[in-house]
Amino acid sequence: MKVLAVSGSLRRNSHNTQLLRAAAELAPEEIEVELWDGVRDLPLYDQDLEAGELPESVRRLREEWGAADAILFSTPEYNGSVPGVLKNAIDWASRPVRESALTNKTVAVIGASPGQFGAMWAQADLRKILGVAGARVVGDELPVARVQEKLDPEGRLLDGELEGRLRLHLEVLAAEAAPAIAV
C-alpha cells in the first residue's frame, strides 16, 4: 500500500515534515510512506488556469495524489488555522469536482507545534476542508504539542508514547484505505 505524506510546512527543518519522516520509518513493511514535496511548486489556485493547459506542478499533484492509496497530512498551525500553501494544494487537488484526486481518497491528519496545543485548531480545520473536498477523513486528530522536545536535532522521535500513537495512526489509515482499494 502506498501512502503519500504531505507536509503543510515549507520550512527546511519543519517539525511536521520530520514527523512524516518518522511515520515512514515506523511504517510496517506492507505500507510504503512516500514524502510528497510538491506543495511549494504550485501556483496560487486560479480557476482561469484550468481553462488552458494545466501547469506541470498541478498535473503532477493530481496524478500522484490520485494514484496514492491514502494520504497522511501533517499541518502546522498558522494564526489558528491551516497554512495557505496546504489549503492551496487541496484547492488544486479538489478539481474537477466529483472526479478529483481527493474524491473518496482515504486521508488522515496529524499536526505539530512548539506550543501547548499541537496544532489542534489547524487539524480540525484541515479535516473539515478535506471532507468538503470529497476525501474520506479517518482516525482521530494527533496533536503533537511541544514538538521540539519530542524530536532530536536530526528529527528522530525521542518520545516512545508518540511513536506508538504515530504508528497506530498510520495503521488505522492503512486499514481504512484497504477496503477502498479492493473496490
N, C-alpha and C. Protein backbone atom coordinates (compact mmCIF):
# COMPACT_ATOMS: atom_id res chain seq x y z
N MET A 1 0.83 -1.17 0.00
CA MET A 1 0.00 0.00 0.00
C MET A 1 0.88 1.24 0.00
N LYS A 2 0.52 2.20 -0.84
CA LYS A 2 1.29 3.44 -0.94
C LYS A 2 0.55 4.58 -0.27
N VAL A 3 1.20 5.19 0.73
CA VAL A 3 0.66 6.34 1.45
C VAL A 3 1.55 7.54 1.14
N LEU A 4 0.96 8.58 0.57
CA LEU A 4 1.69 9.83 0.38
C LEU A 4 1.66 10.59 1.69
N ALA A 5 2.76 11.23 2.03
CA ALA A 5 2.86 12.05 3.23
C ALA A 5 3.06 13.49 2.79
N VAL A 6 2.11 14.36 3.14
CA VAL A 6 2.12 15.75 2.68
C VAL A 6 2.23 16.68 3.88
N SER A 7 3.29 17.47 3.89
CA SER A 7 3.51 18.44 4.96
C SER A 7 2.98 19.80 4.55
N GLY A 8 2.37 20.48 5.50
CA GLY A 8 1.87 21.83 5.25
C GLY A 8 2.91 22.90 5.53
N SER A 9 4.13 22.50 5.75
CA SER A 9 5.19 23.46 6.06
C SER A 9 6.25 23.46 4.96
N LEU A 10 6.73 24.64 4.61
CA LEU A 10 7.80 24.77 3.62
C LEU A 10 9.18 24.86 4.28
N ARG A 11 9.22 25.06 5.57
CA ARG A 11 10.48 25.25 6.29
C ARG A 11 11.40 24.03 6.15
N ARG A 12 12.66 24.25 5.88
CA ARG A 12 13.62 23.17 5.66
C ARG A 12 13.65 22.16 6.80
N ASN A 13 13.69 22.63 8.03
CA ASN A 13 13.75 21.73 9.18
C ASN A 13 12.40 21.66 9.89
N SER A 14 11.34 21.61 9.12
CA SER A 14 9.99 21.59 9.64
C SER A 14 9.75 20.41 10.56
N HIS A 15 9.17 20.68 11.72
CA HIS A 15 8.80 19.61 12.64
C HIS A 15 7.74 18.70 12.02
N ASN A 16 6.83 19.28 11.25
CA ASN A 16 5.77 18.48 10.64
C ASN A 16 6.33 17.55 9.57
N THR A 17 7.31 18.02 8.82
CA THR A 17 7.96 17.16 7.82
C THR A 17 8.76 16.07 8.54
N GLN A 18 9.42 16.42 9.63
CA GLN A 18 10.16 15.42 10.40
C GLN A 18 9.21 14.36 10.97
N LEU A 19 8.04 14.79 11.38
CA LEU A 19 7.05 13.85 11.90
C LEU A 19 6.63 12.86 10.80
N LEU A 20 6.46 13.34 9.59
CA LEU A 20 6.12 12.45 8.47
C LEU A 20 7.26 11.49 8.15
N ARG A 21 8.49 11.96 8.23
CA ARG A 21 9.64 11.07 8.02
C ARG A 21 9.68 9.98 9.09
N ALA A 22 9.35 10.36 10.31
CA ALA A 22 9.30 9.37 11.39
C ALA A 22 8.21 8.34 11.10
N ALA A 23 7.06 8.79 10.59
CA ALA A 23 5.98 7.87 10.23
C ALA A 23 6.46 6.89 9.18
N ALA A 24 7.24 7.37 8.22
CA ALA A 24 7.76 6.49 7.16
C ALA A 24 8.66 5.42 7.76
N GLU A 25 9.47 5.79 8.74
CA GLU A 25 10.37 4.82 9.38
C GLU A 25 9.60 3.82 10.23
N LEU A 26 8.48 4.23 10.80
CA LEU A 26 7.69 3.36 11.67
C LEU A 26 6.73 2.45 10.91
N ALA A 27 6.53 2.74 9.64
CA ALA A 27 5.52 2.02 8.87
C ALA A 27 5.84 0.53 8.77
N PRO A 28 4.81 -0.30 8.90
CA PRO A 28 5.01 -1.74 8.69
C PRO A 28 5.47 -2.00 7.26
N GLU A 29 6.07 -3.13 7.05
CA GLU A 29 6.66 -3.48 5.76
C GLU A 29 5.68 -3.34 4.59
N GLU A 30 4.42 -3.63 4.82
CA GLU A 30 3.44 -3.61 3.73
C GLU A 30 2.95 -2.20 3.39
N ILE A 31 3.39 -1.19 4.15
CA ILE A 31 2.99 0.19 3.90
C ILE A 31 4.21 1.00 3.48
N GLU A 32 4.16 1.53 2.27
CA GLU A 32 5.22 2.41 1.78
C GLU A 32 4.76 3.84 1.97
N VAL A 33 5.50 4.60 2.78
CA VAL A 33 5.18 6.01 3.00
C VAL A 33 6.18 6.84 2.22
N GLU A 34 5.66 7.66 1.31
CA GLU A 34 6.50 8.50 0.45
C GLU A 34 6.20 9.96 0.72
N LEU A 35 7.23 10.73 1.07
CA LEU A 35 7.08 12.15 1.31
C LEU A 35 6.84 12.87 -0.02
N TRP A 36 5.75 13.62 -0.10
CA TRP A 36 5.41 14.37 -1.31
C TRP A 36 5.81 15.81 -1.08
N ASP A 37 6.71 16.31 -1.91
CA ASP A 37 7.31 17.62 -1.65
C ASP A 37 6.92 18.70 -2.67
N GLY A 38 5.84 18.53 -3.38
CA GLY A 38 5.49 19.46 -4.43
C GLY A 38 4.66 20.66 -4.03
N VAL A 39 4.36 20.82 -2.74
CA VAL A 39 3.50 21.91 -2.30
C VAL A 39 4.07 23.27 -2.70
N ARG A 40 5.36 23.44 -2.56
CA ARG A 40 5.97 24.74 -2.84
C ARG A 40 5.98 25.10 -4.33
N ASP A 41 5.81 24.13 -5.20
CA ASP A 41 5.88 24.37 -6.64
C ASP A 41 4.56 24.81 -7.26
N LEU A 42 3.48 24.76 -6.50
CA LEU A 42 2.15 25.03 -7.05
C LEU A 42 1.89 26.53 -7.17
N PRO A 43 1.28 26.95 -8.29
CA PRO A 43 0.84 28.35 -8.36
C PRO A 43 -0.37 28.54 -7.46
N LEU A 44 -0.68 29.77 -7.15
CA LEU A 44 -1.90 30.02 -6.40
C LEU A 44 -3.09 29.55 -7.23
N TYR A 45 -4.07 28.96 -6.55
CA TYR A 45 -5.22 28.44 -7.29
C TYR A 45 -5.92 29.58 -8.03
N ASP A 46 -6.18 29.34 -9.31
CA ASP A 46 -6.86 30.31 -10.17
C ASP A 46 -7.66 29.50 -11.17
N GLN A 47 -8.97 29.58 -11.09
CA GLN A 47 -9.82 28.78 -11.96
C GLN A 47 -9.55 29.06 -13.44
N ASP A 48 -9.10 30.26 -13.76
CA ASP A 48 -8.78 30.59 -15.15
C ASP A 48 -7.66 29.70 -15.70
N LEU A 49 -6.75 29.27 -14.83
CA LEU A 49 -5.65 28.40 -15.28
C LEU A 49 -6.16 27.03 -15.72
N GLU A 50 -7.33 26.64 -15.25
CA GLU A 50 -7.88 25.34 -15.62
C GLU A 50 -8.45 25.33 -17.04
N ALA A 51 -8.71 26.51 -17.59
CA ALA A 51 -9.28 26.60 -18.94
C ALA A 51 -8.27 26.21 -20.01
N GLY A 52 -6.99 26.40 -19.71
CA GLY A 52 -5.94 26.07 -20.67
C GLY A 52 -5.18 24.84 -20.23
N GLU A 53 -3.94 24.76 -20.67
CA GLU A 53 -3.09 23.65 -20.25
C GLU A 53 -2.66 23.87 -18.81
N LEU A 54 -2.87 22.86 -17.98
CA LEU A 54 -2.53 22.99 -16.56
C LEU A 54 -1.03 23.09 -16.37
N PRO A 55 -0.60 23.86 -15.36
CA PRO A 55 0.82 23.88 -15.01
C PRO A 55 1.29 22.46 -14.66
N GLU A 56 2.53 22.16 -14.97
CA GLU A 56 3.09 20.83 -14.72
C GLU A 56 2.98 20.44 -13.25
N SER A 57 3.20 21.38 -12.35
CA SER A 57 3.12 21.07 -10.92
C SER A 57 1.72 20.63 -10.51
N VAL A 58 0.70 21.20 -11.14
CA VAL A 58 -0.69 20.83 -10.85
C VAL A 58 -1.00 19.46 -11.42
N ARG A 59 -0.53 19.19 -12.63
CA ARG A 59 -0.72 17.85 -13.22
C ARG A 59 -0.06 16.79 -12.34
N ARG A 60 1.14 17.09 -11.87
CA ARG A 60 1.87 16.15 -11.01
C ARG A 60 1.09 15.89 -9.71
N LEU A 61 0.60 16.95 -9.08
CA LEU A 61 -0.17 16.80 -7.85
C LEU A 61 -1.37 15.91 -8.09
N ARG A 62 -2.16 16.20 -9.10
CA ARG A 62 -3.38 15.44 -9.35
C ARG A 62 -3.08 13.98 -9.68
N GLU A 63 -2.04 13.76 -10.44
CA GLU A 63 -1.67 12.39 -10.81
C GLU A 63 -1.17 11.61 -9.59
N GLU A 64 -0.25 12.18 -8.84
CA GLU A 64 0.37 11.46 -7.72
C GLU A 64 -0.57 11.31 -6.53
N TRP A 65 -1.35 12.33 -6.23
CA TRP A 65 -2.32 12.19 -5.14
C TRP A 65 -3.40 11.20 -5.55
N GLY A 66 -3.81 11.23 -6.81
CA GLY A 66 -4.83 10.31 -7.29
C GLY A 66 -4.37 8.87 -7.27
N ALA A 67 -3.09 8.64 -7.55
CA ALA A 67 -2.55 7.28 -7.61
C ALA A 67 -2.27 6.69 -6.23
N ALA A 68 -2.14 7.52 -5.22
CA ALA A 68 -1.84 7.03 -3.87
C ALA A 68 -3.04 6.26 -3.32
N ASP A 69 -2.76 5.27 -2.51
CA ASP A 69 -3.82 4.52 -1.84
C ASP A 69 -4.44 5.33 -0.70
N ALA A 70 -3.62 6.19 -0.08
CA ALA A 70 -4.07 7.04 1.02
C ALA A 70 -3.09 8.19 1.15
N ILE A 71 -3.50 9.23 1.88
CA ILE A 71 -2.63 10.39 2.10
C ILE A 71 -2.64 10.73 3.59
N LEU A 72 -1.45 10.94 4.14
CA LEU A 72 -1.28 11.39 5.52
C LEU A 72 -0.80 12.84 5.47
N PHE A 73 -1.61 13.75 6.00
CA PHE A 73 -1.26 15.17 6.05
C PHE A 73 -0.75 15.52 7.43
N SER A 74 0.29 16.37 7.46
CA SER A 74 0.78 16.90 8.73
C SER A 74 0.80 18.42 8.61
N THR A 75 0.11 19.07 9.53
CA THR A 75 -0.03 20.52 9.43
C THR A 75 0.49 21.25 10.66
N PRO A 76 1.23 22.32 10.41
CA PRO A 76 1.49 23.26 11.50
C PRO A 76 0.25 24.14 11.66
N GLU A 77 0.30 25.03 12.61
CA GLU A 77 -0.83 25.95 12.81
C GLU A 77 -0.31 27.37 12.65
N TYR A 78 -0.87 28.07 11.67
CA TYR A 78 -0.50 29.46 11.42
C TYR A 78 -1.72 30.31 11.72
N ASN A 79 -1.60 31.21 12.68
CA ASN A 79 -2.69 32.10 13.05
C ASN A 79 -3.98 31.33 13.33
N GLY A 80 -3.85 30.19 13.98
CA GLY A 80 -5.01 29.43 14.40
C GLY A 80 -5.64 28.56 13.34
N SER A 81 -4.96 28.35 12.20
CA SER A 81 -5.57 27.54 11.15
C SER A 81 -4.48 26.90 10.27
N VAL A 82 -4.93 26.43 9.12
CA VAL A 82 -4.09 25.71 8.15
C VAL A 82 -3.22 26.71 7.38
N PRO A 83 -1.96 26.37 7.12
CA PRO A 83 -1.13 27.24 6.29
C PRO A 83 -1.72 27.39 4.88
N GLY A 84 -1.56 28.57 4.31
CA GLY A 84 -2.10 28.85 2.98
C GLY A 84 -1.59 27.91 1.91
N VAL A 85 -0.32 27.49 2.00
CA VAL A 85 0.23 26.61 0.96
C VAL A 85 -0.46 25.26 0.95
N LEU A 86 -0.86 24.78 2.11
CA LEU A 86 -1.55 23.49 2.19
C LEU A 86 -2.98 23.62 1.66
N LYS A 87 -3.66 24.67 2.04
CA LYS A 87 -5.01 24.92 1.54
C LYS A 87 -4.98 25.07 0.02
N ASN A 88 -3.97 25.75 -0.51
CA ASN A 88 -3.82 25.93 -1.95
C ASN A 88 -3.67 24.58 -2.66
N ALA A 89 -2.86 23.70 -2.10
CA ALA A 89 -2.67 22.37 -2.70
C ALA A 89 -3.99 21.60 -2.72
N ILE A 90 -4.74 21.68 -1.65
CA ILE A 90 -6.02 20.99 -1.58
C ILE A 90 -7.00 21.58 -2.59
N ASP A 91 -6.98 22.90 -2.74
CA ASP A 91 -7.85 23.54 -3.73
C ASP A 91 -7.56 23.00 -5.13
N TRP A 92 -6.29 22.87 -5.48
CA TRP A 92 -5.92 22.32 -6.78
C TRP A 92 -6.33 20.85 -6.89
N ALA A 93 -6.11 20.09 -5.83
CA ALA A 93 -6.41 18.66 -5.87
C ALA A 93 -7.90 18.37 -5.88
N SER A 94 -8.72 19.33 -5.47
CA SER A 94 -10.17 19.11 -5.36
C SER A 94 -10.92 19.31 -6.68
N ARG A 95 -10.21 19.56 -7.74
CA ARG A 95 -10.83 19.79 -9.04
C ARG A 95 -10.46 18.67 -9.99
N PRO A 96 -11.27 18.33 -10.96
CA PRO A 96 -12.66 18.74 -11.10
C PRO A 96 -13.53 18.06 -10.04
N VAL A 97 -14.58 18.76 -9.63
CA VAL A 97 -15.47 18.29 -8.58
C VAL A 97 -16.00 16.89 -8.93
N ARG A 98 -16.05 16.02 -7.93
CA ARG A 98 -16.51 14.62 -8.01
C ARG A 98 -15.62 13.73 -8.88
N GLU A 99 -14.59 14.25 -9.47
CA GLU A 99 -13.64 13.45 -10.26
C GLU A 99 -12.20 13.76 -9.85
N SER A 100 -12.04 14.40 -8.72
CA SER A 100 -10.73 14.90 -8.33
C SER A 100 -9.86 13.82 -7.70
N ALA A 101 -8.62 14.17 -7.48
CA ALA A 101 -7.67 13.28 -6.81
C ALA A 101 -8.08 13.00 -5.37
N LEU A 102 -8.95 13.84 -4.81
CA LEU A 102 -9.38 13.66 -3.42
C LEU A 102 -10.74 12.98 -3.29
N THR A 103 -11.45 12.79 -4.38
CA THR A 103 -12.77 12.17 -4.30
C THR A 103 -12.65 10.75 -3.74
N ASN A 104 -13.26 10.53 -2.59
CA ASN A 104 -13.24 9.25 -1.88
C ASN A 104 -11.83 8.77 -1.49
N LYS A 105 -10.86 9.65 -1.53
CA LYS A 105 -9.49 9.30 -1.10
C LYS A 105 -9.46 9.20 0.42
N THR A 106 -8.90 8.13 0.93
CA THR A 106 -8.76 7.95 2.37
C THR A 106 -7.58 8.78 2.85
N VAL A 107 -7.84 9.67 3.81
CA VAL A 107 -6.81 10.57 4.32
C VAL A 107 -6.87 10.60 5.84
N ALA A 108 -5.75 10.98 6.44
CA ALA A 108 -5.67 11.19 7.88
C ALA A 108 -4.85 12.45 8.12
N VAL A 109 -5.02 13.02 9.31
CA VAL A 109 -4.40 14.30 9.64
C VAL A 109 -3.66 14.19 10.96
N ILE A 110 -2.45 14.72 10.99
CA ILE A 110 -1.68 14.90 12.21
C ILE A 110 -1.15 16.32 12.20
N GLY A 111 -0.59 16.76 13.30
CA GLY A 111 -0.05 18.11 13.33
C GLY A 111 0.83 18.32 14.54
N ALA A 112 1.77 19.24 14.38
CA ALA A 112 2.71 19.51 15.46
C ALA A 112 2.96 21.00 15.57
N SER A 113 3.22 21.42 16.81
CA SER A 113 3.58 22.81 17.04
C SER A 113 4.46 22.88 18.28
N PRO A 114 5.23 23.94 18.39
CA PRO A 114 6.06 24.10 19.58
C PRO A 114 5.25 24.53 20.80
N GLY A 115 4.02 24.92 20.61
CA GLY A 115 3.16 25.36 21.70
C GLY A 115 2.49 24.19 22.40
N GLN A 116 1.54 24.52 23.27
CA GLN A 116 0.93 23.51 24.14
C GLN A 116 -0.27 22.80 23.53
N PHE A 117 -0.70 23.19 22.31
CA PHE A 117 -1.91 22.59 21.76
C PHE A 117 -1.68 21.68 20.56
N GLY A 118 -0.49 21.62 20.03
CA GLY A 118 -0.18 20.66 18.97
C GLY A 118 -0.95 20.85 17.69
N ALA A 119 -1.20 22.10 17.32
CA ALA A 119 -1.89 22.41 16.06
C ALA A 119 -3.31 21.83 16.02
N MET A 120 -3.97 21.81 17.14
CA MET A 120 -5.32 21.24 17.21
C MET A 120 -6.32 21.98 16.33
N TRP A 121 -6.29 23.31 16.33
CA TRP A 121 -7.23 24.07 15.51
C TRP A 121 -6.96 23.83 14.03
N ALA A 122 -5.70 23.81 13.65
CA ALA A 122 -5.36 23.58 12.25
C ALA A 122 -5.80 22.19 11.82
N GLN A 123 -5.63 21.21 12.68
CA GLN A 123 -6.07 19.85 12.34
C GLN A 123 -7.58 19.79 12.15
N ALA A 124 -8.32 20.44 13.03
CA ALA A 124 -9.78 20.45 12.90
C ALA A 124 -10.19 21.12 11.59
N ASP A 125 -9.56 22.25 11.28
CA ASP A 125 -9.87 22.94 10.02
C ASP A 125 -9.50 22.08 8.81
N LEU A 126 -8.34 21.44 8.88
CA LEU A 126 -7.89 20.62 7.75
C LEU A 126 -8.82 19.42 7.53
N ARG A 127 -9.27 18.81 8.58
CA ARG A 127 -10.22 17.69 8.47
C ARG A 127 -11.49 18.16 7.77
N LYS A 128 -11.97 19.34 8.15
CA LYS A 128 -13.17 19.90 7.53
C LYS A 128 -12.93 20.19 6.05
N ILE A 129 -11.84 20.85 5.73
CA ILE A 129 -11.50 21.20 4.35
C ILE A 129 -11.42 19.95 3.48
N LEU A 130 -10.73 18.94 3.98
CA LEU A 130 -10.59 17.70 3.22
C LEU A 130 -11.93 17.01 3.01
N GLY A 131 -12.77 16.99 4.03
CA GLY A 131 -14.09 16.39 3.91
C GLY A 131 -14.94 17.11 2.88
N VAL A 132 -14.93 18.42 2.90
CA VAL A 132 -15.69 19.21 1.91
C VAL A 132 -15.15 18.95 0.50
N ALA A 133 -13.85 18.73 0.39
CA ALA A 133 -13.22 18.46 -0.91
C ALA A 133 -13.52 17.05 -1.42
N GLY A 134 -14.17 16.22 -0.61
CA GLY A 134 -14.57 14.90 -1.06
C GLY A 134 -13.76 13.74 -0.53
N ALA A 135 -12.77 14.03 0.32
CA ALA A 135 -11.93 12.96 0.88
C ALA A 135 -12.65 12.26 2.02
N ARG A 136 -12.23 11.02 2.29
CA ARG A 136 -12.71 10.25 3.43
C ARG A 136 -11.70 10.43 4.56
N VAL A 137 -12.01 11.30 5.51
CA VAL A 137 -11.09 11.59 6.61
C VAL A 137 -11.31 10.55 7.70
N VAL A 138 -10.24 9.84 8.07
CA VAL A 138 -10.35 8.75 9.04
C VAL A 138 -9.44 9.01 10.23
N GLY A 139 -9.71 8.27 11.30
CA GLY A 139 -8.89 8.38 12.50
C GLY A 139 -9.16 9.66 13.26
N ASP A 140 -8.55 9.73 14.42
CA ASP A 140 -8.66 10.92 15.26
C ASP A 140 -7.54 11.89 14.91
N GLU A 141 -7.64 13.07 15.49
CA GLU A 141 -6.53 14.01 15.36
C GLU A 141 -5.36 13.49 16.18
N LEU A 142 -4.17 13.87 15.78
CA LEU A 142 -2.98 13.51 16.55
C LEU A 142 -2.19 14.78 16.80
N PRO A 143 -2.54 15.52 17.86
CA PRO A 143 -1.80 16.74 18.16
C PRO A 143 -0.48 16.44 18.85
N VAL A 144 0.58 17.04 18.35
CA VAL A 144 1.90 16.87 18.95
C VAL A 144 2.34 18.22 19.50
N ALA A 145 2.12 18.43 20.78
CA ALA A 145 2.48 19.67 21.44
C ALA A 145 3.95 19.63 21.85
N ARG A 146 4.54 20.81 21.94
CA ARG A 146 5.95 20.94 22.34
C ARG A 146 6.83 19.97 21.54
N VAL A 147 6.60 19.97 20.26
CA VAL A 147 7.26 19.00 19.37
C VAL A 147 8.78 19.07 19.46
N GLN A 148 9.33 20.24 19.73
CA GLN A 148 10.79 20.38 19.81
C GLN A 148 11.39 19.53 20.93
N GLU A 149 10.57 19.12 21.90
CA GLU A 149 11.03 18.26 22.98
C GLU A 149 10.90 16.78 22.63
N LYS A 150 10.24 16.49 21.52
CA LYS A 150 9.95 15.10 21.16
C LYS A 150 10.75 14.60 19.97
N LEU A 151 11.59 15.48 19.42
CA LEU A 151 12.46 15.12 18.29
C LEU A 151 13.89 15.52 18.63
N ASP A 152 14.85 14.71 18.20
CA ASP A 152 16.24 15.10 18.38
C ASP A 152 16.63 16.06 17.25
N PRO A 153 17.85 16.62 17.27
CA PRO A 153 18.23 17.58 16.24
C PRO A 153 18.17 17.02 14.80
N GLU A 154 18.25 15.71 14.65
CA GLU A 154 18.16 15.08 13.32
C GLU A 154 16.72 14.74 12.95
N GLY A 155 15.78 15.02 13.84
CA GLY A 155 14.37 14.76 13.55
C GLY A 155 13.87 13.39 13.95
N ARG A 156 14.66 12.63 14.70
CA ARG A 156 14.22 11.31 15.16
C ARG A 156 13.37 11.46 16.41
N LEU A 157 12.37 10.60 16.53
CA LEU A 157 11.49 10.64 17.69
C LEU A 157 12.23 10.26 18.97
N LEU A 158 11.97 11.02 20.03
CA LEU A 158 12.54 10.74 21.34
C LEU A 158 11.48 10.22 22.30
N ASP A 159 10.23 10.32 21.91
CA ASP A 159 9.10 10.03 22.77
C ASP A 159 8.46 8.70 22.38
N GLY A 160 8.58 7.70 23.24
CA GLY A 160 8.03 6.37 22.95
C GLY A 160 6.52 6.36 22.82
N GLU A 161 5.83 7.16 23.65
CA GLU A 161 4.38 7.23 23.56
C GLU A 161 3.95 7.81 22.21
N LEU A 162 4.62 8.87 21.77
CA LEU A 162 4.32 9.47 20.47
C LEU A 162 4.60 8.47 19.35
N GLU A 163 5.68 7.72 19.48
CA GLU A 163 6.00 6.70 18.47
C GLU A 163 4.84 5.71 18.33
N GLY A 164 4.32 5.24 19.43
CA GLY A 164 3.20 4.30 19.40
C GLY A 164 1.94 4.92 18.81
N ARG A 165 1.65 6.17 19.20
CA ARG A 165 0.47 6.85 18.66
C ARG A 165 0.60 7.09 17.16
N LEU A 166 1.79 7.46 16.70
CA LEU A 166 2.01 7.70 15.28
C LEU A 166 1.89 6.40 14.48
N ARG A 167 2.45 5.33 15.00
CA ARG A 167 2.35 4.02 14.34
C ARG A 167 0.88 3.59 14.24
N LEU A 168 0.14 3.74 15.32
CA LEU A 168 -1.27 3.38 15.33
C LEU A 168 -2.06 4.24 14.33
N HIS A 169 -1.76 5.51 14.27
CA HIS A 169 -2.44 6.42 13.33
C HIS A 169 -2.24 5.94 11.89
N LEU A 170 -1.02 5.56 11.57
CA LEU A 170 -0.70 5.06 10.24
C LEU A 170 -1.39 3.72 9.96
N GLU A 171 -1.43 2.86 10.95
CA GLU A 171 -2.12 1.56 10.78
C GLU A 171 -3.62 1.74 10.57
N VAL A 172 -4.23 2.68 11.28
CA VAL A 172 -5.66 2.96 11.09
C VAL A 172 -5.90 3.49 9.68
N LEU A 173 -5.06 4.40 9.23
CA LEU A 173 -5.17 4.93 7.87
C LEU A 173 -5.11 3.81 6.85
N ALA A 174 -4.13 2.93 6.98
CA ALA A 174 -3.97 1.82 6.03
C ALA A 174 -5.16 0.87 6.09
N ALA A 175 -5.63 0.55 7.29
CA ALA A 175 -6.77 -0.36 7.42
C ALA A 175 -8.03 0.23 6.80
N GLU A 176 -8.23 1.52 6.96
CA GLU A 176 -9.41 2.18 6.39
C GLU A 176 -9.30 2.30 4.88
N ALA A 177 -8.08 2.42 4.36
CA ALA A 177 -7.88 2.55 2.92
C ALA A 177 -7.99 1.22 2.21
N ALA A 178 -7.68 0.13 2.89
CA ALA A 178 -7.66 -1.19 2.26
C ALA A 178 -8.97 -1.57 1.59
N PRO A 179 -10.14 -1.41 2.24
CA PRO A 179 -11.39 -1.76 1.56
C PRO A 179 -11.65 -0.89 0.33
N ALA A 180 -11.27 0.39 0.39
CA ALA A 180 -11.46 1.29 -0.75
C ALA A 180 -10.60 0.86 -1.95
N ILE A 181 -9.43 0.31 -1.66
CA ILE A 181 -8.54 -0.14 -2.73
C ILE A 181 -9.10 -1.38 -3.40
N ALA A 182 -9.69 -2.26 -2.60
CA ALA A 182 -10.20 -3.53 -3.10
C ALA A 182 -11.41 -3.36 -4.03
N VAL A 183 -12.10 -2.23 -3.92
CA VAL A 183 -13.31 -2.00 -4.72
C VAL A 183 -12.97 -1.80 -6.18
